[in-house]
Amino acid sequence: MTIQWFKHPEPCAQFILAHGAGAGKESEFMQAMAAKLAHLGINVGLFNFEYMDKAIALGRKQPPQKADKLIAYFNDILCQTEPDLPLFIGGKSMGGRIASLLACERHVKGVIAFGYPFHPPGKHDKLRTAHFSELLAPLFVIQGERDTFGNREFVSALSLPKTVTVDWINNGDHSLVPTKRSGLTPDQNCQHAASLAAAHINEVLNG
């Protein structure tokens, strides 16, 4: 149970970022996002859930554990955070959902989700938002406009609590990656998402 830290010399906050269901903390998205946020003044901690470490050790994919196990593990990880630095939690896809569920049980400054899985692809009736009304901290979602887990048209039509806000990444998919025809690059979208997250953290701290 170890955290990989990306640190700034004078951080304003710390952000524990959980990975998605299919790729761990070493994935390109996680490493790039952590580095960009650290450059913007936020200490970022990455970790692997137990099933992901098992998958790496065995050399084959493993299914995620049940939500309650993931929440408990995430909560234990937070014991390694700095007690005097404002704490934000979040994640990519599944990691963001687990962070939001944990924030219904534990007080943190805020939650940031990159590509929140509002519903499984093609199953709009299976919403994963019932717990939003129980959040003990604001939830900020950074979502690709083309995300198959909740695109702009679908999410914009939802009635979300005032504690939940959504900002959009132009032409982004579930990993915020744009199409080549858009004229945007994956790194540009990743940088934009990091800037939005950092701005939100500063807004919460100064609000």
N, C-alpha and C. Protein backbone atom coordinates (compact mmCIF):
# COMPACT_ATOMS: atom_id res chain seq x y z
N MET A 1 0.85 -1.20 0.00
CA MET A 1 0.00 0.00 0.00
C MET A 1 0.89 1.25 0.00
N THR A 2 1.41 1.59 -1.18
CA THR A 2 2.33 2.72 -1.27
C THR A 2 1.80 3.76 -2.26
N ILE A 3 2.17 5.00 -2.00
CA ILE A 3 1.77 6.11 -2.86
C ILE A 3 3.00 6.57 -3.66
N GLN A 4 2.80 6.80 -4.93
CA GLN A 4 3.81 7.45 -5.77
C GLN A 4 3.49 8.93 -5.79
N TRP A 5 4.39 9.74 -5.26
CA TRP A 5 4.13 11.17 -5.14
C TRP A 5 4.77 11.97 -6.28
N PHE A 6 4.02 12.96 -6.71
CA PHE A 6 4.51 14.00 -7.62
C PHE A 6 4.35 15.30 -6.82
N LYS A 7 5.48 15.93 -6.46
CA LYS A 7 5.40 17.04 -5.51
C LYS A 7 5.88 18.36 -6.10
N HIS A 8 5.28 19.44 -5.56
CA HIS A 8 5.67 20.81 -5.87
C HIS A 8 6.41 21.37 -4.66
N PRO A 9 7.41 22.23 -4.86
CA PRO A 9 8.16 22.78 -3.72
C PRO A 9 7.29 23.53 -2.71
N GLU A 10 6.24 24.19 -3.19
CA GLU A 10 5.37 24.95 -2.29
C GLU A 10 3.91 24.64 -2.64
N PRO A 11 3.43 23.46 -2.29
CA PRO A 11 2.08 23.05 -2.68
C PRO A 11 0.99 23.80 -1.90
N CYS A 12 -0.13 24.01 -2.59
CA CYS A 12 -1.29 24.62 -1.92
C CYS A 12 -2.24 23.54 -1.40
N ALA A 13 -2.10 22.31 -1.93
CA ALA A 13 -3.01 21.22 -1.56
C ALA A 13 -2.40 19.89 -2.00
N GLN A 14 -3.03 18.81 -1.56
CA GLN A 14 -2.66 17.48 -2.02
C GLN A 14 -3.88 16.80 -2.62
N PHE A 15 -3.64 16.00 -3.65
CA PHE A 15 -4.72 15.37 -4.40
C PHE A 15 -4.37 13.90 -4.61
N ILE A 16 -5.16 13.01 -4.03
CA ILE A 16 -4.95 11.57 -4.20
C ILE A 16 -5.82 11.11 -5.35
N LEU A 17 -5.17 10.61 -6.40
CA LEU A 17 -5.82 10.32 -7.67
C LEU A 17 -5.85 8.81 -7.92
N ALA A 18 -7.04 8.25 -8.01
CA ALA A 18 -7.22 6.81 -8.20
C ALA A 18 -7.39 6.47 -9.68
N HIS A 19 -6.89 5.30 -10.07
CA HIS A 19 -6.94 4.89 -11.48
C HIS A 19 -8.31 4.32 -11.87
N GLY A 20 -8.49 4.13 -13.17
CA GLY A 20 -9.71 3.53 -13.69
C GLY A 20 -9.67 2.01 -13.59
N ALA A 21 -10.71 1.36 -14.09
CA ALA A 21 -10.85 -0.08 -13.91
C ALA A 21 -9.80 -0.89 -14.65
N GLY A 22 -9.36 -0.42 -15.82
CA GLY A 22 -8.52 -1.26 -16.67
C GLY A 22 -7.05 -0.94 -16.72
N ALA A 23 -6.62 0.17 -16.14
CA ALA A 23 -5.20 0.55 -16.20
C ALA A 23 -4.81 1.22 -14.89
N GLY A 24 -3.63 0.86 -14.36
CA GLY A 24 -3.21 1.35 -13.06
C GLY A 24 -2.50 2.68 -13.08
N LYS A 25 -1.80 2.95 -11.99
CA LYS A 25 -1.16 4.27 -11.81
C LYS A 25 -0.04 4.52 -12.80
N GLU A 26 0.49 3.47 -13.44
CA GLU A 26 1.58 3.65 -14.40
C GLU A 26 1.08 4.02 -15.80
N SER A 27 -0.23 4.07 -15.97
CA SER A 27 -0.77 4.39 -17.30
C SER A 27 -0.38 5.80 -17.72
N GLU A 28 -0.37 6.01 -19.02
CA GLU A 28 0.04 7.31 -19.57
C GLU A 28 -0.82 8.44 -19.02
N PHE A 29 -2.13 8.22 -18.94
CA PHE A 29 -3.03 9.27 -18.45
C PHE A 29 -2.68 9.66 -17.01
N MET A 30 -2.54 8.66 -16.14
CA MET A 30 -2.30 8.93 -14.72
C MET A 30 -0.97 9.65 -14.51
N GLN A 31 0.07 9.18 -15.19
CA GLN A 31 1.39 9.78 -15.02
C GLN A 31 1.42 11.22 -15.56
N ALA A 32 0.79 11.42 -16.70
CA ALA A 32 0.78 12.76 -17.30
C ALA A 32 -0.03 13.73 -16.45
N MET A 33 -1.21 13.30 -16.00
CA MET A 33 -2.06 14.19 -15.20
C MET A 33 -1.38 14.56 -13.89
N ALA A 34 -0.76 13.58 -13.24
CA ALA A 34 -0.08 13.84 -11.97
C ALA A 34 1.06 14.84 -12.17
N ALA A 35 1.84 14.66 -13.22
CA ALA A 35 2.97 15.57 -13.48
C ALA A 35 2.48 16.99 -13.76
N LYS A 36 1.43 17.11 -14.55
CA LYS A 36 0.91 18.44 -14.90
C LYS A 36 0.34 19.15 -13.67
N LEU A 37 -0.38 18.43 -12.83
CA LEU A 37 -0.96 19.04 -11.63
C LEU A 37 0.13 19.44 -10.64
N ALA A 38 1.16 18.62 -10.51
CA ALA A 38 2.27 18.97 -9.62
C ALA A 38 2.94 20.25 -10.09
N HIS A 39 3.08 20.41 -11.39
CA HIS A 39 3.67 21.62 -11.95
C HIS A 39 2.82 22.85 -11.63
N LEU A 40 1.51 22.62 -11.42
CA LEU A 40 0.58 23.71 -11.14
C LEU A 40 0.40 23.97 -9.63
N GLY A 41 1.24 23.33 -8.82
CA GLY A 41 1.25 23.67 -7.39
C GLY A 41 0.51 22.71 -6.48
N ILE A 42 0.23 21.50 -6.96
CA ILE A 42 -0.52 20.53 -6.16
C ILE A 42 0.28 19.24 -6.03
N ASN A 43 0.44 18.77 -4.81
CA ASN A 43 1.07 17.47 -4.60
C ASN A 43 0.07 16.38 -5.00
N VAL A 44 0.48 15.48 -5.88
CA VAL A 44 -0.42 14.44 -6.37
C VAL A 44 0.12 13.07 -5.96
N GLY A 45 -0.76 12.24 -5.41
CA GLY A 45 -0.40 10.89 -5.02
C GLY A 45 -1.15 9.88 -5.85
N LEU A 46 -0.43 8.94 -6.45
CA LEU A 46 -1.02 7.85 -7.21
C LEU A 46 -0.83 6.54 -6.47
N PHE A 47 -1.77 5.63 -6.64
CA PHE A 47 -1.66 4.31 -6.02
C PHE A 47 -2.43 3.30 -6.86
N ASN A 48 -2.15 2.03 -6.64
CA ASN A 48 -2.90 0.96 -7.28
C ASN A 48 -3.82 0.30 -6.26
N PHE A 49 -5.05 0.02 -6.68
CA PHE A 49 -5.90 -0.83 -5.86
C PHE A 49 -5.30 -2.23 -5.83
N GLU A 50 -5.70 -3.03 -4.86
CA GLU A 50 -5.12 -4.37 -4.67
C GLU A 50 -5.26 -5.25 -5.91
N TYR A 51 -6.42 -5.21 -6.56
CA TYR A 51 -6.63 -6.09 -7.72
C TYR A 51 -5.69 -5.72 -8.86
N MET A 52 -5.33 -4.45 -8.96
CA MET A 52 -4.43 -4.03 -10.03
C MET A 52 -3.00 -4.51 -9.75
N ASP A 53 -2.57 -4.43 -8.50
CA ASP A 53 -1.26 -4.97 -8.15
C ASP A 53 -1.21 -6.47 -8.41
N LYS A 54 -2.30 -7.16 -8.14
CA LYS A 54 -2.38 -8.60 -8.39
C LYS A 54 -2.28 -8.88 -9.89
N ALA A 55 -2.97 -8.07 -10.69
CA ALA A 55 -2.94 -8.24 -12.14
C ALA A 55 -1.52 -8.07 -12.68
N ILE A 56 -0.80 -7.08 -12.15
CA ILE A 56 0.58 -6.84 -12.57
C ILE A 56 1.47 -8.01 -12.17
N ALA A 57 1.28 -8.51 -10.94
CA ALA A 57 2.10 -9.62 -10.45
C ALA A 57 1.86 -10.90 -11.26
N LEU A 58 0.61 -11.14 -11.64
CA LEU A 58 0.26 -12.36 -12.38
C LEU A 58 0.45 -12.23 -13.88
N GLY A 59 0.55 -10.98 -14.34
CA GLY A 59 0.71 -10.76 -15.77
C GLY A 59 -0.56 -10.95 -16.57
N ARG A 60 -1.69 -10.86 -15.93
CA ARG A 60 -2.97 -10.96 -16.63
C ARG A 60 -4.01 -10.10 -15.92
N LYS A 61 -5.02 -9.68 -16.67
CA LYS A 61 -6.04 -8.78 -16.14
C LYS A 61 -6.84 -9.44 -15.02
N GLN A 62 -7.23 -8.61 -14.06
CA GLN A 62 -8.07 -9.04 -12.96
C GLN A 62 -9.27 -8.09 -12.88
N PRO A 63 -10.46 -8.59 -12.55
CA PRO A 63 -11.62 -7.69 -12.41
C PRO A 63 -11.50 -6.85 -11.15
N PRO A 64 -12.03 -5.64 -11.17
CA PRO A 64 -12.03 -4.82 -9.95
C PRO A 64 -12.80 -5.52 -8.83
N GLN A 65 -12.39 -5.21 -7.61
CA GLN A 65 -13.12 -5.73 -6.46
C GLN A 65 -14.44 -4.98 -6.31
N LYS A 66 -15.27 -5.44 -5.39
CA LYS A 66 -16.54 -4.78 -5.11
C LYS A 66 -16.28 -3.36 -4.62
N ALA A 67 -17.27 -2.49 -4.81
CA ALA A 67 -17.10 -1.08 -4.45
C ALA A 67 -16.72 -0.89 -2.99
N ASP A 68 -17.32 -1.66 -2.09
CA ASP A 68 -17.02 -1.46 -0.66
C ASP A 68 -15.55 -1.76 -0.34
N LYS A 69 -14.97 -2.74 -1.03
CA LYS A 69 -13.56 -3.06 -0.83
C LYS A 69 -12.67 -1.94 -1.37
N LEU A 70 -13.04 -1.40 -2.53
CA LEU A 70 -12.26 -0.31 -3.12
C LEU A 70 -12.34 0.95 -2.26
N ILE A 71 -13.52 1.24 -1.74
CA ILE A 71 -13.69 2.41 -0.88
C ILE A 71 -12.83 2.27 0.37
N ALA A 72 -12.85 1.10 0.99
CA ALA A 72 -12.08 0.87 2.21
C ALA A 72 -10.58 1.01 1.94
N TYR A 73 -10.13 0.49 0.81
CA TYR A 73 -8.70 0.57 0.47
C TYR A 73 -8.30 2.03 0.22
N PHE A 74 -9.14 2.76 -0.52
CA PHE A 74 -8.89 4.18 -0.77
C PHE A 74 -8.80 4.93 0.56
N ASN A 75 -9.70 4.64 1.47
CA ASN A 75 -9.71 5.29 2.77
C ASN A 75 -8.42 5.01 3.54
N ASP A 76 -7.93 3.77 3.45
CA ASP A 76 -6.67 3.41 4.13
C ASP A 76 -5.49 4.16 3.52
N ILE A 77 -5.52 4.33 2.20
CA ILE A 77 -4.44 5.07 1.52
C ILE A 77 -4.32 6.48 2.08
N LEU A 78 -5.43 7.07 2.46
CA LEU A 78 -5.42 8.46 2.92
C LEU A 78 -4.68 8.63 4.24
N CYS A 79 -4.38 7.52 4.92
CA CYS A 79 -3.58 7.60 6.15
C CYS A 79 -2.16 8.07 5.86
N GLN A 80 -1.74 7.98 4.60
CA GLN A 80 -0.39 8.38 4.21
C GLN A 80 -0.29 9.83 3.74
N THR A 81 -1.39 10.57 3.85
CA THR A 81 -1.38 11.96 3.38
C THR A 81 -0.83 12.89 4.45
N GLU A 82 -0.50 14.10 4.03
CA GLU A 82 0.04 15.11 4.94
C GLU A 82 -1.10 15.71 5.77
N PRO A 83 -1.02 15.65 7.10
CA PRO A 83 -2.13 16.11 7.93
C PRO A 83 -2.42 17.60 7.84
N ASP A 84 -1.41 18.40 7.48
CA ASP A 84 -1.59 19.86 7.49
C ASP A 84 -1.81 20.46 6.10
N LEU A 85 -1.97 19.62 5.08
CA LEU A 85 -2.17 20.11 3.72
C LEU A 85 -3.59 19.77 3.28
N PRO A 86 -4.35 20.75 2.75
CA PRO A 86 -5.73 20.48 2.33
C PRO A 86 -5.80 19.26 1.42
N LEU A 87 -6.79 18.39 1.68
CA LEU A 87 -6.88 17.12 0.98
C LEU A 87 -8.05 17.08 -0.01
N PHE A 88 -7.72 16.79 -1.26
CA PHE A 88 -8.69 16.53 -2.30
C PHE A 88 -8.49 15.09 -2.78
N ILE A 89 -9.57 14.45 -3.20
CA ILE A 89 -9.47 13.10 -3.73
C ILE A 89 -10.19 13.03 -5.08
N GLY A 90 -9.89 12.01 -5.84
CA GLY A 90 -10.55 11.89 -7.14
C GLY A 90 -10.01 10.72 -7.91
N GLY A 91 -10.28 10.72 -9.19
CA GLY A 91 -9.80 9.62 -10.00
C GLY A 91 -10.29 9.69 -11.42
N LYS A 92 -9.77 8.76 -12.20
CA LYS A 92 -10.20 8.59 -13.58
C LYS A 92 -11.27 7.51 -13.63
N SER A 93 -12.41 7.81 -14.25
CA SER A 93 -13.49 6.85 -14.45
C SER A 93 -13.88 6.16 -13.14
N MET A 94 -13.66 4.85 -13.02
CA MET A 94 -14.02 4.13 -11.81
C MET A 94 -13.40 4.76 -10.57
N GLY A 95 -12.15 5.20 -10.69
CA GLY A 95 -11.49 5.82 -9.55
C GLY A 95 -12.20 7.07 -9.07
N GLY A 96 -12.75 7.85 -10.00
CA GLY A 96 -13.52 9.02 -9.64
C GLY A 96 -14.82 8.66 -8.95
N ARG A 97 -15.45 7.60 -9.43
CA ARG A 97 -16.69 7.14 -8.79
C ARG A 97 -16.42 6.66 -7.37
N ILE A 98 -15.36 5.87 -7.17
CA ILE A 98 -15.03 5.39 -5.84
C ILE A 98 -14.69 6.56 -4.92
N ALA A 99 -13.97 7.54 -5.43
CA ALA A 99 -13.65 8.73 -4.63
C ALA A 99 -14.92 9.45 -4.20
N SER A 100 -15.89 9.56 -5.11
CA SER A 100 -17.14 10.25 -4.76
C SER A 100 -17.93 9.46 -3.72
N LEU A 101 -17.88 8.14 -3.80
CA LEU A 101 -18.56 7.31 -2.78
C LEU A 101 -17.87 7.47 -1.43
N LEU A 102 -16.54 7.53 -1.43
CA LEU A 102 -15.80 7.74 -0.18
C LEU A 102 -16.13 9.09 0.42
N ALA A 103 -16.35 10.08 -0.43
CA ALA A 103 -16.67 11.44 0.04
C ALA A 103 -18.07 11.55 0.62
N CYS A 104 -18.83 10.48 0.55
CA CYS A 104 -20.13 10.43 1.24
C CYS A 104 -19.95 9.95 2.69
N GLU A 105 -18.75 9.44 2.99
CA GLU A 105 -18.47 8.90 4.31
C GLU A 105 -17.41 9.70 5.06
N ARG A 106 -16.53 10.36 4.32
CA ARG A 106 -15.38 11.02 4.92
C ARG A 106 -15.26 12.45 4.42
N HIS A 107 -14.94 13.36 5.32
CA HIS A 107 -14.80 14.77 4.94
C HIS A 107 -13.46 15.00 4.25
N VAL A 108 -13.52 15.58 3.05
CA VAL A 108 -12.35 16.05 2.32
C VAL A 108 -12.71 17.42 1.77
N LYS A 109 -11.73 18.13 1.23
CA LYS A 109 -12.01 19.45 0.68
C LYS A 109 -12.83 19.39 -0.60
N GLY A 110 -12.61 18.35 -1.39
CA GLY A 110 -13.35 18.24 -2.65
C GLY A 110 -12.98 16.97 -3.39
N VAL A 111 -13.77 16.66 -4.42
CA VAL A 111 -13.56 15.49 -5.25
C VAL A 111 -13.49 15.95 -6.71
N ILE A 112 -12.52 15.40 -7.44
CA ILE A 112 -12.38 15.72 -8.87
C ILE A 112 -12.36 14.42 -9.65
N ALA A 113 -13.27 14.29 -10.60
CA ALA A 113 -13.37 13.08 -11.42
C ALA A 113 -13.08 13.40 -12.87
N PHE A 114 -12.17 12.65 -13.46
CA PHE A 114 -11.86 12.78 -14.88
C PHE A 114 -12.59 11.66 -15.62
N GLY A 115 -13.57 12.02 -16.44
CA GLY A 115 -14.34 11.01 -17.15
C GLY A 115 -15.21 10.20 -16.21
N TYR A 116 -16.14 10.86 -15.53
CA TYR A 116 -17.00 10.14 -14.58
C TYR A 116 -17.89 9.15 -15.34
N PRO A 117 -18.01 7.91 -14.85
CA PRO A 117 -18.86 6.91 -15.52
C PRO A 117 -20.33 7.08 -15.12
N PHE A 118 -20.98 8.06 -15.71
CA PHE A 118 -22.38 8.31 -15.36
C PHE A 118 -23.26 7.09 -15.60
N HIS A 119 -22.94 6.31 -16.62
CA HIS A 119 -23.68 5.08 -16.94
C HIS A 119 -22.74 4.17 -17.73
N PRO A 120 -22.97 2.87 -17.74
CA PRO A 120 -22.19 2.01 -18.63
C PRO A 120 -22.50 2.37 -20.09
N PRO A 121 -21.54 2.20 -20.99
CA PRO A 121 -21.79 2.54 -22.40
C PRO A 121 -23.04 1.85 -22.94
N GLY A 122 -23.93 2.66 -23.54
CA GLY A 122 -25.15 2.13 -24.13
C GLY A 122 -26.26 1.81 -23.15
N LYS A 123 -26.04 2.05 -21.86
CA LYS A 123 -27.06 1.73 -20.84
C LYS A 123 -27.40 2.99 -20.05
N HIS A 124 -28.09 3.88 -20.70
CA HIS A 124 -28.39 5.19 -20.11
C HIS A 124 -29.29 5.09 -18.89
N ASP A 125 -30.01 3.98 -18.75
CA ASP A 125 -30.93 3.84 -17.62
C ASP A 125 -30.22 3.41 -16.34
N LYS A 126 -28.97 2.98 -16.44
CA LYS A 126 -28.23 2.51 -15.26
C LYS A 126 -27.33 3.64 -14.73
N LEU A 127 -27.97 4.66 -14.18
CA LEU A 127 -27.24 5.83 -13.69
C LEU A 127 -26.45 5.52 -12.42
N ARG A 128 -25.28 6.14 -12.32
CA ARG A 128 -24.43 5.98 -11.13
C ARG A 128 -24.32 7.31 -10.40
N THR A 129 -25.46 7.92 -10.15
CA THR A 129 -25.48 9.25 -9.54
C THR A 129 -26.33 9.32 -8.27
N ALA A 130 -26.89 8.20 -7.83
CA ALA A 130 -27.83 8.22 -6.70
C ALA A 130 -27.20 8.78 -5.43
N HIS A 131 -25.89 8.57 -5.27
CA HIS A 131 -25.22 9.01 -4.04
C HIS A 131 -24.82 10.48 -4.07
N PHE A 132 -24.98 11.14 -5.18
CA PHE A 132 -24.53 12.53 -5.29
C PHE A 132 -25.17 13.43 -4.23
N SER A 133 -26.39 13.14 -3.85
CA SER A 133 -27.08 13.97 -2.86
C SER A 133 -26.50 13.78 -1.45
N GLU A 134 -25.66 12.76 -1.27
CA GLU A 134 -25.07 12.47 0.05
C GLU A 134 -23.63 12.94 0.16
N LEU A 135 -23.12 13.58 -0.87
CA LEU A 135 -21.72 14.04 -0.85
C LEU A 135 -21.48 15.05 0.27
N LEU A 136 -20.36 14.87 0.96
CA LEU A 136 -19.97 15.79 2.03
C LEU A 136 -18.99 16.85 1.54
N ALA A 137 -18.71 16.83 0.25
CA ALA A 137 -17.77 17.79 -0.36
C ALA A 137 -18.22 18.02 -1.80
N PRO A 138 -17.82 19.14 -2.39
CA PRO A 138 -18.18 19.39 -3.80
C PRO A 138 -17.50 18.39 -4.74
N LEU A 139 -18.22 18.00 -5.78
CA LEU A 139 -17.71 17.12 -6.82
C LEU A 139 -17.58 17.91 -8.11
N PHE A 140 -16.37 17.92 -8.67
CA PHE A 140 -16.10 18.59 -9.93
C PHE A 140 -15.76 17.52 -10.96
N VAL A 141 -16.56 17.44 -12.02
CA VAL A 141 -16.37 16.45 -13.06
C VAL A 141 -15.78 17.12 -14.30
N ILE A 142 -14.70 16.55 -14.82
CA ILE A 142 -14.09 17.02 -16.06
C ILE A 142 -14.34 15.93 -17.09
N GLN A 143 -15.22 16.22 -18.04
CA GLN A 143 -15.77 15.19 -18.92
C GLN A 143 -15.50 15.50 -20.39
N GLY A 144 -15.12 14.47 -21.15
CA GLY A 144 -14.98 14.63 -22.58
C GLY A 144 -16.34 14.73 -23.24
N GLU A 145 -16.47 15.61 -24.22
CA GLU A 145 -17.76 15.81 -24.88
C GLU A 145 -18.30 14.54 -25.53
N ARG A 146 -17.39 13.64 -25.95
CA ARG A 146 -17.80 12.41 -26.65
C ARG A 146 -17.78 11.18 -25.73
N ASP A 147 -17.68 11.38 -24.45
CA ASP A 147 -17.52 10.26 -23.52
C ASP A 147 -18.71 9.30 -23.62
N THR A 148 -18.43 8.02 -23.90
CA THR A 148 -19.51 7.03 -24.03
C THR A 148 -20.10 6.64 -22.67
N PHE A 149 -19.47 7.09 -21.59
CA PHE A 149 -20.01 6.87 -20.24
C PHE A 149 -20.84 8.08 -19.77
N GLY A 150 -21.09 8.99 -20.68
CA GLY A 150 -21.86 10.19 -20.36
C GLY A 150 -21.39 11.35 -21.21
N ASN A 151 -22.00 11.52 -22.38
CA ASN A 151 -21.56 12.59 -23.27
C ASN A 151 -22.23 13.92 -22.89
N ARG A 152 -21.87 14.96 -23.61
CA ARG A 152 -22.34 16.30 -23.23
C ARG A 152 -23.87 16.41 -23.30
N GLU A 153 -24.46 15.87 -24.34
CA GLU A 153 -25.91 15.96 -24.49
C GLU A 153 -26.63 15.25 -23.34
N PHE A 154 -26.16 14.06 -22.99
CA PHE A 154 -26.81 13.28 -21.94
C PHE A 154 -26.64 13.92 -20.57
N VAL A 155 -25.41 14.25 -20.22
CA VAL A 155 -25.13 14.77 -18.88
C VAL A 155 -25.75 16.15 -18.67
N SER A 156 -25.76 16.96 -19.72
CA SER A 156 -26.33 18.30 -19.60
C SER A 156 -27.83 18.26 -19.31
N ALA A 157 -28.48 17.17 -19.66
CA ALA A 157 -29.91 17.04 -19.43
C ALA A 157 -30.23 16.49 -18.04
N LEU A 158 -29.22 16.06 -17.29
CA LEU A 158 -29.45 15.51 -15.96
C LEU A 158 -29.72 16.62 -14.95
N SER A 159 -30.48 16.30 -13.94
CA SER A 159 -30.71 17.22 -12.83
C SER A 159 -29.75 16.83 -11.70
N LEU A 160 -28.66 17.56 -11.59
CA LEU A 160 -27.63 17.23 -10.62
C LEU A 160 -27.69 18.18 -9.42
N PRO A 161 -27.29 17.73 -8.25
CA PRO A 161 -27.25 18.62 -7.08
C PRO A 161 -26.31 19.80 -7.31
N LYS A 162 -26.52 20.87 -6.58
CA LYS A 162 -25.70 22.07 -6.74
C LYS A 162 -24.24 21.82 -6.35
N THR A 163 -24.00 20.78 -5.57
CA THR A 163 -22.63 20.45 -5.15
C THR A 163 -21.85 19.77 -6.27
N VAL A 164 -22.51 19.43 -7.38
CA VAL A 164 -21.86 18.75 -8.49
C VAL A 164 -21.79 19.69 -9.69
N THR A 165 -20.60 19.93 -10.19
CA THR A 165 -20.44 20.76 -11.39
C THR A 165 -19.66 19.97 -12.44
N VAL A 166 -19.94 20.26 -13.70
CA VAL A 166 -19.31 19.56 -14.81
C VAL A 166 -18.70 20.58 -15.76
N ASP A 167 -17.46 20.34 -16.15
CA ASP A 167 -16.83 21.15 -17.20
C ASP A 167 -16.42 20.21 -18.32
N TRP A 168 -16.33 20.76 -19.53
CA TRP A 168 -16.20 19.92 -20.71
C TRP A 168 -14.87 20.09 -21.42
N ILE A 169 -14.35 18.97 -21.91
CA ILE A 169 -13.13 18.95 -22.70
C ILE A 169 -13.52 18.77 -24.16
N ASN A 170 -13.15 19.73 -24.98
CA ASN A 170 -13.58 19.75 -26.38
C ASN A 170 -13.21 18.46 -27.11
N ASN A 171 -14.22 17.83 -27.68
CA ASN A 171 -14.04 16.67 -28.55
C ASN A 171 -13.42 15.47 -27.83
N GLY A 172 -13.34 15.51 -26.49
CA GLY A 172 -12.68 14.44 -25.76
C GLY A 172 -13.51 13.18 -25.63
N ASP A 173 -12.83 12.03 -25.56
CA ASP A 173 -13.51 10.77 -25.30
C ASP A 173 -13.43 10.46 -23.81
N HIS A 174 -13.57 9.19 -23.42
CA HIS A 174 -13.57 8.84 -22.00
C HIS A 174 -12.24 9.13 -21.32
N SER A 175 -11.16 9.15 -22.12
CA SER A 175 -9.84 9.51 -21.59
C SER A 175 -9.44 10.92 -22.00
N LEU A 176 -10.43 11.69 -22.44
CA LEU A 176 -10.28 13.10 -22.84
C LEU A 176 -9.52 13.27 -24.15
N VAL A 177 -9.30 12.17 -24.87
CA VAL A 177 -8.55 12.22 -26.12
C VAL A 177 -9.44 12.71 -27.26
N PRO A 178 -9.00 13.71 -28.03
CA PRO A 178 -9.79 14.23 -29.15
C PRO A 178 -9.58 13.41 -30.41
N THR A 179 -10.45 13.60 -31.39
CA THR A 179 -10.23 12.99 -32.70
C THR A 179 -9.15 13.78 -33.43
N LYS A 180 -8.48 13.14 -34.36
CA LYS A 180 -7.43 13.82 -35.13
C LYS A 180 -8.02 14.97 -35.95
N ARG A 181 -9.26 14.79 -36.40
CA ARG A 181 -9.90 15.81 -37.23
C ARG A 181 -10.20 17.10 -36.46
N SER A 182 -10.20 17.02 -35.14
CA SER A 182 -10.53 18.20 -34.32
C SER A 182 -9.44 19.27 -34.36
N GLY A 183 -8.22 18.84 -34.70
CA GLY A 183 -7.09 19.77 -34.66
C GLY A 183 -6.47 19.90 -33.29
N LEU A 184 -7.02 19.20 -32.30
CA LEU A 184 -6.48 19.20 -30.95
C LEU A 184 -5.59 17.97 -30.75
N THR A 185 -4.71 18.04 -29.76
CA THR A 185 -3.87 16.90 -29.43
C THR A 185 -4.27 16.35 -28.07
N PRO A 186 -3.96 15.07 -27.79
CA PRO A 186 -4.23 14.53 -26.46
C PRO A 186 -3.55 15.33 -25.35
N ASP A 187 -2.33 15.79 -25.60
CA ASP A 187 -1.62 16.55 -24.57
C ASP A 187 -2.29 17.89 -24.30
N GLN A 188 -2.82 18.53 -25.35
CA GLN A 188 -3.53 19.80 -25.14
C GLN A 188 -4.77 19.59 -24.25
N ASN A 189 -5.50 18.53 -24.53
CA ASN A 189 -6.69 18.25 -23.72
C ASN A 189 -6.32 17.88 -22.29
N CYS A 190 -5.24 17.12 -22.13
CA CYS A 190 -4.78 16.75 -20.80
C CYS A 190 -4.35 17.99 -20.02
N GLN A 191 -3.64 18.89 -20.68
CA GLN A 191 -3.20 20.13 -20.03
C GLN A 191 -4.39 21.00 -19.64
N HIS A 192 -5.38 21.06 -20.52
CA HIS A 192 -6.58 21.84 -20.22
C HIS A 192 -7.31 21.26 -19.02
N ALA A 193 -7.40 19.93 -18.97
CA ALA A 193 -8.06 19.28 -17.84
C ALA A 193 -7.31 19.54 -16.53
N ALA A 194 -5.98 19.47 -16.59
CA ALA A 194 -5.18 19.76 -15.40
C ALA A 194 -5.37 21.20 -14.94
N SER A 195 -5.44 22.11 -15.89
CA SER A 195 -5.64 23.53 -15.55
C SER A 195 -7.00 23.74 -14.90
N LEU A 196 -8.02 23.08 -15.42
CA LEU A 196 -9.36 23.17 -14.83
C LEU A 196 -9.36 22.62 -13.41
N ALA A 197 -8.70 21.48 -13.20
CA ALA A 197 -8.65 20.88 -11.88
C ALA A 197 -7.92 21.78 -10.88
N ALA A 198 -6.79 22.34 -11.31
CA ALA A 198 -6.02 23.22 -10.43
C ALA A 198 -6.81 24.48 -10.09
N ALA A 199 -7.50 25.02 -11.08
CA ALA A 199 -8.31 26.22 -10.85
C ALA A 199 -9.44 25.92 -9.86
N HIS A 200 -10.04 24.74 -9.99
CA HIS A 200 -11.11 24.36 -9.07
C HIS A 200 -10.58 24.22 -7.65
N ILE A 201 -9.42 23.59 -7.48
CA ILE A 201 -8.84 23.43 -6.16
C ILE A 201 -8.58 24.80 -5.53
N ASN A 202 -8.03 25.72 -6.30
CA ASN A 202 -7.77 27.07 -5.78
C ASN A 202 -9.06 27.81 -5.45
N GLU A 203 -10.09 27.57 -6.25
CA GLU A 203 -11.38 28.20 -5.98
C GLU A 203 -11.97 27.70 -4.67
N VAL A 204 -11.90 26.40 -4.44
CA VAL A 204 -12.40 25.82 -3.18
C VAL A 204 -11.61 26.36 -2.00
N LEU A 205 -10.30 26.43 -2.14
CA LEU A 205 -9.45 26.88 -1.03
C LEU A 205 -9.67 28.35 -0.71
N ASN A 206 -9.99 29.15 -1.73
CA ASN A 206 -10.14 30.59 -1.54
C ASN A 206 -11.60 31.03 -1.43
N GLY A 207 -12.52 30.07 -1.53
CA GLY A 207 -13.95 30.38 -1.55
C GLY A 207 -14.51 30.69 -0.18
